[in-house]
Protein backbone atom coordinates (compact mmCIF):
# COMPACT_ATOMS: atom_id res chain seq x y z
CA MET A 1 19.08 -15.15 10.84
CA GLN A 2 16.82 -12.44 12.26
CA ALA A 3 15.61 -10.99 9.07
CA VAL A 4 14.84 -14.39 7.57
CA LEU A 5 12.83 -15.34 10.55
CA ALA A 6 10.93 -11.79 10.18
CA THR A 7 10.24 -12.28 6.79
CA LEU A 8 8.97 -15.75 7.45
CA ILE A 9 6.52 -15.06 10.37
CA GLY A 10 5.29 -12.10 7.88
CA VAL A 11 4.88 -14.48 5.37
CA LEU A 12 2.84 -16.21 7.63
CA GLY A 13 0.78 -14.04 9.39
CA GLY A 14 0.21 -12.18 5.69
CA GLY A 15 -0.64 -15.45 4.14
CA LEU A 16 -3.01 -16.68 6.71
CA GLY A 17 -4.57 -13.01 6.94
CA GLY A 18 -5.44 -13.14 3.12
CA LEU A 19 -6.98 -16.65 3.43
CA VAL A 20 -8.72 -16.78 6.53
CA GLY A 21 -8.93 -13.26 7.77
CA LEU A 22 -6.42 -13.80 10.68
CA GLY A 23 -2.61 -13.85 11.16
CA GLY A 24 -1.56 -10.95 12.97
CA GLY A 25 -2.65 -11.75 16.66
CA PHE A 26 -3.12 -15.13 16.16
CA VAL A 27 -0.08 -16.28 14.14
CA MET A 28 2.66 -13.61 14.88
CA VAL A 29 2.54 -12.62 18.54
CA PRO A 30 3.36 -15.84 19.53
CA LEU A 31 5.87 -16.51 17.10
CA LEU A 32 7.22 -12.98 18.26
CA VAL A 33 7.54 -14.46 21.45
CA TYR A 34 8.82 -17.69 20.45
CA LEU A 35 11.50 -16.77 18.00
CA PHE A 36 12.69 -13.47 19.00
CA GLN A 37 11.98 -13.64 22.85
CA MET A 38 10.08 -10.43 22.63
CA GLU A 39 7.83 -10.09 26.03
CA GLN A 40 4.03 -9.63 25.22
CA HIS A 41 3.85 -6.15 24.90
CA ALA A 42 6.51 -6.04 22.69
CA ALA A 43 5.06 -8.65 20.34
CA GLN A 44 1.72 -7.36 20.29
CA GLY A 45 3.16 -3.72 19.65
CA THR A 46 5.29 -5.11 16.62
CA SER A 47 2.78 -7.38 15.44
CA LEU A 48 0.70 -4.02 15.22
CA ALA A 49 3.00 -2.36 13.61
CA ILE A 50 3.48 -5.06 11.01
CA LEU A 51 -0.27 -4.71 10.09
CA LEU A 52 -0.23 -0.97 9.25
CA LEU A 53 -0.22 -1.57 5.45
CA PRO A 54 1.49 -3.97 4.06
CA VAL A 55 -0.46 -6.97 4.94
CA THR A 56 -4.16 -6.07 4.73
CA LEU A 57 -3.72 -3.44 1.75
CA PRO A 58 -3.05 -6.10 -0.50
CA SER A 59 -5.82 -8.81 0.97
CA VAL A 60 -8.39 -5.98 0.66
CA MET A 61 -7.77 -5.41 -2.60
CA GLN A 62 -8.27 -9.12 -3.89
CA TYR A 63 -11.40 -9.10 -1.48
CA TRP A 64 -12.65 -6.02 -3.37
CA ARG A 65 -11.74 -7.13 -6.92
CA ALA A 66 -14.38 -10.35 -5.91
CA GLY A 67 -17.06 -7.83 -4.69
CA ASN A 68 -16.72 -9.00 -1.23
CA VAL A 69 -16.23 -6.03 0.92
CA ASN A 70 -18.94 -4.31 2.46
CA VAL A 71 -17.60 -0.52 1.75
CA GLY A 72 -20.12 1.22 4.48
CA VAL A 73 -19.95 -1.61 7.40
CA ALA A 74 -16.15 -1.65 6.75
CA ALA A 75 -16.05 2.37 7.30
CA PHE A 76 -18.13 2.45 10.40
CA ALA A 77 -16.24 -0.56 11.90
CA ALA A 78 -12.79 0.84 11.06
CA PHE A 79 -13.98 4.03 13.17
CA GLY A 80 -15.11 1.55 16.05
CA PHE A 81 -11.74 -0.03 15.33
CA LEU A 82 -9.48 3.27 15.66
CA VAL A 83 -11.20 3.99 18.86
CA GLY A 84 -10.93 0.83 20.50
CA GLY A 85 -7.70 0.03 18.98
CA TYR A 86 -6.54 3.48 21.26
CA ALA A 87 -8.24 2.40 24.48
CA GLY A 88 -6.94 -1.03 23.93
CA GLY A 89 -3.62 -0.05 23.66
CA THR A 90 -3.79 2.67 26.75
CA LEU A 91 -5.07 -0.21 28.53
CA ALA A 92 -2.52 -2.97 27.62
CA GLN A 93 -0.23 -0.81 28.78
CA MET A 94 -1.28 -0.81 32.59
CA ILE A 95 -1.53 -4.15 32.55
CA GLY A 96 1.64 -6.96 33.68
CA GLY A 97 3.27 -8.85 30.82
CA ARG A 98 2.58 -12.19 32.42
CA LEU A 99 -1.20 -11.10 33.03
CA LEU A 100 -1.72 -9.50 29.62
CA ARG A 101 -0.25 -13.09 27.95
CA ARG A 102 -2.73 -15.33 30.21
CA ILE A 103 -5.54 -12.84 28.85
CA PHE A 104 -4.09 -13.70 25.18
CA ALA A 105 -3.97 -17.09 25.64
CA GLY A 106 -7.11 -17.56 27.25
CA LEU A 107 -8.57 -15.58 24.40
CA LEU A 108 -7.02 -18.26 21.63
CA ILE A 109 -8.54 -20.72 24.09
CA VAL A 110 -11.97 -19.66 23.66
CA VAL A 111 -11.84 -18.96 20.03
CA ALA A 112 -10.23 -22.29 19.45
CA LEU A 113 -13.07 -24.32 21.38
CA ASP A 114 -15.73 -22.56 19.63
CA LEU A 115 -14.17 -23.01 16.19
CA MET A 116 -14.33 -26.72 16.96
CA ARG A 117 -17.88 -26.65 18.57
CA ARG A 118 -19.39 -25.15 15.48
């Protein structure tokens, strides 16, 4: 049953990632917390591990084929993401699970409100 749930989380996260450019944090982290009773740190780390290759590469290829990838911007932003990801991951390990979950929830609320406002 765990393998089926994990696969469904991956399909949902990957599908939304390809459709609207999100999925890992906004979909998979909450599902990992609720369905697998993971702590916030474990859910975020697992979500990042999922995103290493199989979710992003197929989506990027589809956008690339359609001419919708700016390689120059992506390369510099990827470098920034590398630095920021390391710093953010390090900082997250210093924050308690409850506070980290609240920060995550607050970010989801702010993004949702901003999207609804626009």
